[in-house]
PDB file of all heavy atoms in Angstrom:
ATOM      1  N   GLN A   1       0.839  -1.193   0.001  1.00  0.00           N
ATOM      2  CA  GLN A   1       0.001  -0.012   0.010  1.00  0.00           C
ATOM      3  C   GLN A   1       0.846   1.248   0.025  1.00  0.00           C
ATOM      4  O   GLN A   1       0.544   2.237  -0.681  1.00  0.00           O
ATOM      5  CB  GLN A   1      -0.931  -0.042   1.200  1.00  0.00           C
ATOM      6  CG  GLN A   1      -1.986  -1.097   1.158  1.00  0.00           C
ATOM      7  CD  GLN A   1      -2.705  -1.306   2.458  1.00  0.00           C
ATOM      8  OE1 GLN A   1      -2.523  -0.563   3.418  1.00  0.00           O
ATOM      9  NE2 GLN A   1      -3.512  -2.362   2.541  1.00  0.00           N
ATOM     10  N   ALA A   2       1.972   1.227   0.764  1.00  0.00           N
ATOM     11  CA  ALA A   2       2.877   2.390   0.800  1.00  0.00           C
ATOM     12  C   ALA A   2       3.472   2.629  -0.537  1.00  0.00           C
ATOM     13  O   ALA A   2       3.645   3.765  -1.043  1.00  0.00           O
ATOM     14  CB  ALA A   2       3.920   2.207   1.855  1.00  0.00           C
ATOM     15  N   HIS A   3       3.914   1.576  -1.247  1.00  0.00           N
ATOM     16  CA  HIS A   3       4.491   1.666  -2.557  1.00  0.00           C
ATOM     17  C   HIS A   3       3.522   2.331  -3.530  1.00  0.00           C
ATOM     18  O   HIS A   3       3.883   3.254  -4.231  1.00  0.00           O
ATOM     19  CB  HIS A   3       4.841   0.227  -3.028  1.00  0.00           C
ATOM     20  CG  HIS A   3       5.447   0.223  -4.407  1.00  0.00           C
ATOM     21  ND1 HIS A   3       6.768   0.304  -4.656  1.00  0.00           N
ATOM     22  CD2 HIS A   3       4.870   0.007  -5.625  1.00  0.00           C
ATOM     23  CE1 HIS A   3       7.029   0.228  -5.940  1.00  0.00           C
ATOM     24  NE2 HIS A   3       5.883   0.029  -6.561  1.00  0.00           N
ATOM     25  N   ALA A   4       2.284   1.873  -3.524  1.00  0.00           N
ATOM     26  CA  ALA A   4       1.283   2.404  -4.413  1.00  0.00           C
ATOM     27  C   ALA A   4       0.920   3.818  -4.009  1.00  0.00           C
ATOM     28  O   ALA A   4       0.659   4.695  -4.885  1.00  0.00           O
ATOM     29  CB  ALA A   4       0.049   1.570  -4.412  1.00  0.00           C
ATOM     30  N   ARG A   5       0.867   4.081  -2.694  1.00  0.00           N
ATOM     31  CA  ARG A   5       0.462   5.431  -2.263  1.00  0.00           C
ATOM     32  C   ARG A   5       1.448   6.487  -2.765  1.00  0.00           C
ATOM     33  O   ARG A   5       1.039   7.572  -3.182  1.00  0.00           O
ATOM     34  CB  ARG A   5       0.405   5.456  -0.729  1.00  0.00           C
ATOM     35  CG  ARG A   5      -0.104   6.799  -0.186  1.00  0.00           C
ATOM     36  CD  ARG A   5      -0.218   6.746   1.342  1.00  0.00           C
ATOM     37  NE  ARG A   5       1.115   6.629   1.967  1.00  0.00           N
ATOM     38  CZ  ARG A   5       1.535   5.567   2.633  1.00  0.00           C
ATOM     39  NH1 ARG A   5       0.752   4.511   2.742  1.00  0.00           N
ATOM     40  NH2 ARG A   5       2.705   5.532   3.178  1.00  0.00           N
ATOM     41  N   ILE A   6       2.731   6.198  -2.708  1.00  0.00           N
ATOM     42  CA  ILE A   6       3.752   7.189  -3.106  1.00  0.00           C
ATOM     43  C   ILE A   6       3.650   7.405  -4.616  1.00  0.00           C
ATOM     44  O   ILE A   6       3.638   8.533  -5.088  1.00  0.00           O
ATOM     45  CB  ILE A   6       5.150   6.677  -2.774  1.00  0.00           C
ATOM     46  CG1 ILE A   6       5.333   6.642  -1.246  1.00  0.00           C
ATOM     47  CG2 ILE A   6       6.216   7.543  -3.423  1.00  0.00           C
ATOM     48  CD1 ILE A   6       5.150   7.974  -0.572  1.00  0.00           C
ATOM     49  N   LEU A   7       3.477   6.320  -5.417  1.00  0.00           N
ATOM     50  CA  LEU A   7       3.413   6.502  -6.852  1.00  0.00           C
ATOM     51  C   LEU A   7       2.109   7.149  -7.271  1.00  0.00           C
ATOM     52  O   LEU A   7       2.095   8.055  -8.138  1.00  0.00           O
ATOM     53  CB  LEU A   7       3.526   5.112  -7.473  1.00  0.00           C
ATOM     54  CG  LEU A   7       4.870   4.434  -7.408  1.00  0.00           C
ATOM     55  CD1 LEU A   7       4.820   2.988  -7.835  1.00  0.00           C
ATOM     56  CD2 LEU A   7       5.887   5.202  -8.204  1.00  0.00           C
ATOM     57  N   ASP A   8       0.971   6.782  -6.717  1.00  0.00           N
ATOM     58  CA  ASP A   8      -0.304   7.343  -7.074  1.00  0.00           C
ATOM     59  C   ASP A   8      -0.351   8.785  -6.674  1.00  0.00           C
ATOM     60  O   ASP A   8      -0.921   9.657  -7.378  1.00  0.00           O
ATOM     61  CB  ASP A   8      -1.438   6.543  -6.496  1.00  0.00           C
ATOM     62  CG  ASP A   8      -1.533   5.145  -7.039  1.00  0.00           C
ATOM     63  OD1 ASP A   8      -0.919   4.851  -8.093  1.00  0.00           O
ATOM     64  OD2 ASP A   8      -2.221   4.310  -6.428  1.00  0.00           O
ATOM     65  N   GLY A   9       0.171   9.136  -5.495  1.00  0.00           N
ATOM     66  CA  GLY A   9       0.167  10.504  -5.022  1.00  0.00           C
ATOM     67  C   GLY A   9       0.961  11.356  -5.943  1.00  0.00           C
ATOM     68  O   GLY A   9       0.611  12.494  -6.287  1.00  0.00           O
ATOM     69  N   THR A  10       2.077  10.850  -6.421  1.00  0.00           N
ATOM     70  CA  THR A  10       2.938  11.590  -7.332  1.00  0.00           C
ATOM     71  C   THR A  10       2.257  11.821  -8.664  1.00  0.00           C
ATOM     72  O   THR A  10       2.408  12.897  -9.300  1.00  0.00           O
ATOM     73  CB  THR A  10       4.248  10.832  -7.549  1.00  0.00           C
ATOM     74  OG1 THR A  10       4.920  10.640  -6.308  1.00  0.00           O
ATOM     75  CG2 THR A  10       5.229  11.682  -8.462  1.00  0.00           C
ATOM     76  N   SER A  11       1.488  10.841  -9.111  1.00  0.00           N
ATOM     77  CA  SER A  11       0.795  10.963 -10.436  1.00  0.00           C
ATOM     78  C   SER A  11      -0.163  12.094 -10.486  1.00  0.00           C
ATOM     79  O   SER A  11      -0.566  12.554 -11.582  1.00  0.00           O
ATOM     80  CB  SER A  11       0.101   9.626 -10.770  1.00  0.00           C
ATOM     81  OG  SER A  11      -1.042   9.452 -10.011  1.00  0.00           O
ATOM     82  N   HIS A  12      -0.599  12.600  -9.279  1.00  0.00           N
ATOM     83  CA  HIS A  12      -1.514  13.753  -9.277  1.00  0.00           C
ATOM     84  C   HIS A  12      -0.853  15.019  -9.712  1.00  0.00           C
ATOM     85  O   HIS A  12      -1.534  15.942 -10.153  1.00  0.00           O
ATOM     86  CB  HIS A  12      -2.071  13.882  -7.861  1.00  0.00           C
ATOM     87  CG  HIS A  12      -3.013  12.832  -7.456  1.00  0.00           C
ATOM     88  ND1 HIS A  12      -4.004  13.022  -6.481  1.00  0.00           N
ATOM     89  CD2 HIS A  12      -3.121  11.547  -7.825  1.00  0.00           C
ATOM     90  CE1 HIS A  12      -4.671  11.901  -6.335  1.00  0.00           C
ATOM     91  NE2 HIS A  12      -4.171  10.957  -7.110  1.00  0.00           N
ATOM     92  N   VAL A  13       0.508  15.089  -9.552  1.00  0.00           N
ATOM     93  CA  VAL A  13       1.192  16.347  -9.815  1.00  0.00           C
ATOM     94  C   VAL A  13       2.237  16.308 -10.891  1.00  0.00           C
ATOM     95  O   VAL A  13       2.749  17.297 -11.330  1.00  0.00           O
ATOM     96  CB  VAL A  13       1.780  16.852  -8.469  1.00  0.00           C
ATOM     97  CG1 VAL A  13       0.690  17.165  -7.436  1.00  0.00           C
ATOM     98  CG2 VAL A  13       2.790  15.884  -7.906  1.00  0.00           C
ATOM     99  N   ALA A  14       2.691  15.048 -11.272  1.00  0.00           N
ATOM    100  CA  ALA A  14       3.747  14.927 -12.194  1.00  0.00           C
ATOM    101  C   ALA A  14       3.707  13.546 -12.850  1.00  0.00           C
ATOM    102  O   ALA A  14       3.155  12.619 -12.300  1.00  0.00           O
ATOM    103  CB  ALA A  14       5.087  15.134 -11.499  1.00  0.00           C
ATOM    104  N   PRO A  15       4.301  13.386 -14.100  1.00  0.00           N
ATOM    105  CA  PRO A  15       4.365  12.075 -14.668  1.00  0.00           C
ATOM    106  C   PRO A  15       5.339  11.207 -13.821  1.00  0.00           C
ATOM    107  O   PRO A  15       6.282  11.680 -13.222  1.00  0.00           O
ATOM    108  CB  PRO A  15       4.980  12.355 -16.065  1.00  0.00           C
ATOM    109  CG  PRO A  15       5.735  13.637 -15.892  1.00  0.00           C
ATOM    110  CD  PRO A  15       4.921  14.452 -14.939  1.00  0.00           C
ATOM    111  N   VAL A  16       4.998   9.900 -13.767  1.00  0.00           N
ATOM    112  CA  VAL A  16       5.838   8.982 -12.971  1.00  0.00           C
ATOM    113  C   VAL A  16       5.911   7.639 -13.656  1.00  0.00           C
ATOM    114  O   VAL A  16       4.914   7.171 -14.238  1.00  0.00           O
ATOM    115  CB  VAL A  16       5.266   8.848 -11.554  1.00  0.00           C
ATOM    116  CG1 VAL A  16       3.810   8.410 -11.593  1.00  0.00           C
ATOM    117  CG2 VAL A  16       6.107   7.846 -10.699  1.00  0.00           C
ATOM    118  N   LEU A  17       7.098   7.100 -13.729  1.00  0.00           N
ATOM    119  CA  LEU A  17       7.328   5.701 -14.242  1.00  0.00           C
ATOM    120  C   LEU A  17       7.493   4.791 -13.048  1.00  0.00           C
ATOM    121  O   LEU A  17       8.506   4.855 -12.307  1.00  0.00           O
ATOM    122  CB  LEU A  17       8.598   5.682 -15.083  1.00  0.00           C
ATOM    123  CG  LEU A  17       8.724   6.689 -16.227  1.00  0.00           C
ATOM    124  CD1 LEU A  17      10.046   6.453 -16.975  1.00  0.00           C
ATOM    125  CD2 LEU A  17       7.553   6.556 -17.162  1.00  0.00           C
ATOM    126  N   PRO A  18       6.503   3.929 -12.758  1.00  0.00           N
ATOM    127  CA  PRO A  18       6.593   3.080 -11.591  1.00  0.00           C
ATOM    128  C   PRO A  18       7.596   1.946 -11.774  1.00  0.00           C
ATOM    129  O   PRO A  18       7.726   1.403 -12.871  1.00  0.00           O
ATOM    130  CB  PRO A  18       5.149   2.571 -11.452  1.00  0.00           C
ATOM    131  CG  PRO A  18       4.613   2.584 -12.814  1.00  0.00           C
ATOM    132  CD  PRO A  18       5.207   3.781 -13.513  1.00  0.00           C
ATOM    133  N   LEU A  19       8.305   1.606 -10.687  1.00  0.00           N
ATOM    134  CA  LEU A  19       9.063   0.350 -10.668  1.00  0.00           C
ATOM    135  C   LEU A  19       8.209  -0.691  -9.975  1.00  0.00           C
ATOM    136  O   LEU A  19       7.334  -0.319  -9.148  1.00  0.00           O
ATOM    137  CB  LEU A  19      10.394   0.555  -9.902  1.00  0.00           C
ATOM    138  CG  LEU A  19      11.600   0.935 -10.739  1.00  0.00           C
ATOM    139  CD1 LEU A  19      11.475   2.409 -11.178  1.00  0.00           C
ATOM    140  CD2 LEU A  19      12.870   0.742  -9.937  1.00  0.00           C
ATOM    141  N   ARG A  20       8.419  -1.908 -10.308  1.00  0.00           N
ATOM    142  CA  ARG A  20       7.670  -2.967  -9.647  1.00  0.00           C
ATOM    143  C   ARG A  20       8.083  -3.006  -8.191  1.00  0.00           C
ATOM    144  O   ARG A  20       9.215  -2.688  -7.813  1.00  0.00           O
ATOM    145  CB  ARG A  20       8.029  -4.353 -10.310  1.00  0.00           C
ATOM    146  CG  ARG A  20       7.576  -4.369 -11.739  1.00  0.00           C
ATOM    147  CD  ARG A  20       7.553  -5.819 -12.288  1.00  0.00           C
ATOM    148  NE  ARG A  20       7.254  -5.841 -13.725  1.00  0.00           N
ATOM    149  CZ  ARG A  20       6.090  -5.736 -14.237  1.00  0.00           C
ATOM    150  NH1 ARG A  20       5.019  -5.631 -13.432  1.00  0.00           N
ATOM    151  NH2 ARG A  20       5.882  -5.768 -15.566  1.00  0.00           N
ATOM    152  N   PHE A  21       7.127  -3.467  -7.388  1.00  0.00           N
ATOM    153  CA  PHE A  21       7.361  -3.534  -5.946  1.00  0.00           C
ATOM    154  C   PHE A  21       8.610  -4.368  -5.627  1.00  0.00           C
ATOM    155  O   PHE A  21       8.794  -5.430  -6.218  1.00  0.00           O
ATOM    156  CB  PHE A  21       6.166  -4.156  -5.224  1.00  0.00           C
ATOM    157  CG  PHE A  21       6.341  -4.336  -3.759  1.00  0.00           C
ATOM    158  CD1 PHE A  21       6.150  -3.262  -2.914  1.00  0.00           C
ATOM    159  CD2 PHE A  21       6.683  -5.562  -3.241  1.00  0.00           C
ATOM    160  CE1 PHE A  21       6.332  -3.440  -1.559  1.00  0.00           C
ATOM    161  CE2 PHE A  21       6.859  -5.739  -1.880  1.00  0.00           C
ATOM    162  CZ  PHE A  21       6.697  -4.635  -1.015  1.00  0.00           C
ATOM    163  N   GLY A  22       9.420  -3.849  -4.706  1.00  0.00           N
ATOM    164  CA  GLY A  22      10.562  -4.637  -4.264  1.00  0.00           C
ATOM    165  C   GLY A  22      11.931  -4.241  -4.897  1.00  0.00           C
ATOM    166  O   GLY A  22      12.880  -5.008  -4.727  1.00  0.00           O
ATOM    167  N   ALA A  23      11.952  -3.124  -5.624  1.00  0.00           N
ATOM    168  CA  ALA A  23      13.257  -2.733  -6.244  1.00  0.00           C
ATOM    169  C   ALA A  23      14.151  -2.139  -5.209  1.00  0.00           C
ATOM    170  O   ALA A  23      13.897  -1.053  -4.620  1.00  0.00           O
ATOM    171  CB  ALA A  23      12.950  -1.714  -7.326  1.00  0.00           C
ATOM    172  N   VAL A  24      15.291  -2.753  -4.917  1.00  0.00           N
ATOM    173  CA  VAL A  24      16.230  -2.308  -3.902  1.00  0.00           C
ATOM    174  C   VAL A  24      17.620  -2.315  -4.498  1.00  0.00           C
ATOM    175  O   VAL A  24      17.991  -3.251  -5.210  1.00  0.00           O
ATOM    176  CB  VAL A  24      16.168  -3.259  -2.681  1.00  0.00           C
ATOM    177  CG1 VAL A  24      17.201  -2.906  -1.640  1.00  0.00           C
ATOM    178  CG2 VAL A  24      14.779  -3.228  -2.019  1.00  0.00           C
ATOM    179  N   VAL A  25      18.387  -1.262  -4.183  1.00  0.00           N
ATOM    180  CA  VAL A  25      19.812  -1.185  -4.547  1.00  0.00           C
ATOM    181  C   VAL A  25      20.652  -0.920  -3.331  1.00  0.00           C
ATOM    182  O   VAL A  25      20.135  -0.556  -2.288  1.00  0.00           O
ATOM    183  CB  VAL A  25      20.076  -0.174  -5.687  1.00  0.00           C
ATOM    184  CG1 VAL A  25      19.332  -0.554  -6.965  1.00  0.00           C
ATOM    185  CG2 VAL A  25      19.621   1.202  -5.206  1.00  0.00           C
ATOM    186  N   SER A  26      21.937  -1.006  -3.516  1.00  0.00           N
ATOM    187  CA  SER A  26      22.847  -0.896  -2.313  1.00  0.00           C
ATOM    188  C   SER A  26      22.961   0.483  -1.729  1.00  0.00           C
ATOM    189  O   SER A  26      22.969   0.653  -0.545  1.00  0.00           O
ATOM    190  CB  SER A  26      24.240  -1.408  -2.718  1.00  0.00           C
ATOM    191  OG  SER A  26      24.737  -0.681  -3.839  1.00  0.00           O
ATOM    192  N   ASP A  27      22.987   1.505  -2.621  1.00  0.00           N
ATOM    193  CA  ASP A  27      23.150   2.884  -2.111  1.00  0.00           C
ATOM    194  C   ASP A  27      22.695   3.863  -3.141  1.00  0.00           C
ATOM    195  O   ASP A  27      22.269   3.485  -4.248  1.00  0.00           O
ATOM    196  CB  ASP A  27      24.625   3.111  -1.688  1.00  0.00           C
ATOM    197  CG  ASP A  27      25.579   2.788  -2.820  1.00  0.00           C
ATOM    198  OD1 ASP A  27      25.243   3.008  -3.981  1.00  0.00           O
ATOM    199  OD2 ASP A  27      26.698   2.326  -2.507  1.00  0.00           O
ATOM    200  N   ARG A  28      22.787   5.118  -2.857  1.00  0.00           N
ATOM    201  CA  ARG A  28      22.336   6.174  -3.744  1.00  0.00           C
ATOM    202  C   ARG A  28      23.196   6.262  -5.071  1.00  0.00           C
ATOM    203  O   ARG A  28      22.687   6.561  -6.097  1.00  0.00           O
ATOM    204  CB  ARG A  28      22.362   7.548  -3.049  1.00  0.00           C
ATOM    205  CG  ARG A  28      21.247   7.642  -1.986  1.00  0.00           C
ATOM    206  CD  ARG A  28      21.470   8.856  -1.044  1.00  0.00           C
ATOM    207  NE  ARG A  28      20.489   8.868   0.000  1.00  0.00           N
ATOM    208  CZ  ARG A  28      20.501   8.156   1.051  1.00  0.00           C
ATOM    209  NH1 ARG A  28      21.462   7.287   1.269  1.00  0.00           N
ATOM    210  NH2 ARG A  28      19.492   8.241   1.993  1.00  0.00           N
ATOM    211  N   ASP A  29      24.455   5.905  -4.954  1.00  0.00           N
ATOM    212  CA  ASP A  29      25.311   5.889  -6.152  1.00  0.00           C
ATOM    213  C   ASP A  29      24.814   4.822  -7.138  1.00  0.00           C
ATOM    214  O   ASP A  29      24.777   5.047  -8.338  1.00  0.00           O
ATOM    215  CB  ASP A  29      26.778   5.601  -5.807  1.00  0.00           C
ATOM    216  CG  ASP A  29      27.478   6.787  -5.142  1.00  0.00           C
ATOM    217  OD1 ASP A  29      26.927   7.896  -5.276  1.00  0.00           O
ATOM    218  OD2 ASP A  29      28.511   6.602  -4.479  1.00  0.00           O
ATOM    219  N   ALA A  30      24.321   3.719  -6.570  1.00  0.00           N
ATOM    220  CA  ALA A  30      23.798   2.639  -7.410  1.00  0.00           C
ATOM    221  C   ALA A  30      22.504   3.101  -8.103  1.00  0.00           C
ATOM    222  O   ALA A  30      22.241   2.685  -9.261  1.00  0.00           O
ATOM    223  CB  ALA A  30      23.537   1.402  -6.601  1.00  0.00           C
ATOM    224  N   VAL A  31      21.714   3.931  -7.445  1.00  0.00           N
ATOM    225  CA  VAL A  31      20.497   4.494  -8.056  1.00  0.00           C
ATOM    226  C   VAL A  31      20.912   5.226  -9.305  1.00  0.00           C
ATOM    227  O   VAL A  31      20.281   5.093 -10.392  1.00  0.00           O
ATOM    228  CB  VAL A  31      19.707   5.388  -7.068  1.00  0.00           C
ATOM    229  CG1 VAL A  31      18.568   6.023  -7.802  1.00  0.00           C
ATOM    230  CG2 VAL A  31      19.252   4.602  -5.895  1.00  0.00           C
ATOM    231  N   VAL A  32      21.941   6.077  -9.219  1.00  0.00           N
ATOM    232  CA  VAL A  32      22.371   6.885 -10.326  1.00  0.00           C
ATOM    233  C   VAL A  32      23.018   5.996 -11.390  1.00  0.00           C
ATOM    234  O   VAL A  32      22.654   6.027 -12.582  1.00  0.00           O
ATOM    235  CB  VAL A  32      23.386   7.962  -9.852  1.00  0.00           C
ATOM    236  CG1 VAL A  32      23.992   8.712 -11.076  1.00  0.00           C
ATOM    237  CG2 VAL A  32      22.712   8.918  -8.932  1.00  0.00           C
ATOM    238  N   ASN A  33      23.973   5.162 -11.012  1.00  0.00           N
ATOM    239  CA  ASN A  33      24.762   4.457 -11.979  1.00  0.00           C
ATOM    240  C   ASN A  33      24.092   3.271 -12.623  1.00  0.00           C
ATOM    241  O   ASN A  33      24.272   2.955 -13.807  1.00  0.00           O
ATOM    242  CB  ASN A  33      26.082   3.972 -11.321  1.00  0.00           C
ATOM    243  CG  ASN A  33      26.941   5.099 -10.837  1.00  0.00           C
ATOM    244  OD1 ASN A  33      26.942   6.170 -11.408  1.00  0.00           O
ATOM    245  ND2 ASN A  33      27.673   4.928  -9.723  1.00  0.00           N
ATOM    246  N   GLU A  34      23.262   2.544 -11.829  1.00  0.00           N
ATOM    247  CA  GLU A  34      22.656   1.339 -12.319  1.00  0.00           C
ATOM    248  C   GLU A  34      21.258   1.541 -12.858  1.00  0.00           C
ATOM    249  O   GLU A  34      20.644   0.646 -13.477  1.00  0.00           O
ATOM    250  CB  GLU A  34      22.600   0.268 -11.207  1.00  0.00           C
ATOM    251  CG  GLU A  34      23.976  -0.160 -10.682  1.00  0.00           C
ATOM    252  CD  GLU A  34      23.914  -1.022  -9.475  1.00  0.00           C
ATOM    253  OE1 GLU A  34      22.793  -1.551  -9.183  1.00  0.00           O
ATOM    254  OE2 GLU A  34      24.908  -1.230  -8.805  1.00  0.00           O
TER     255      GLU A  34
END
């Protein structure tokens, strides 16, 4: 529910590309690089 709430709430104000539930990376650098 939290995953959907963040994505759906964002869709009210901006375009959003959802990731499937459970997407986890090691750190913020990995978010950028990977």
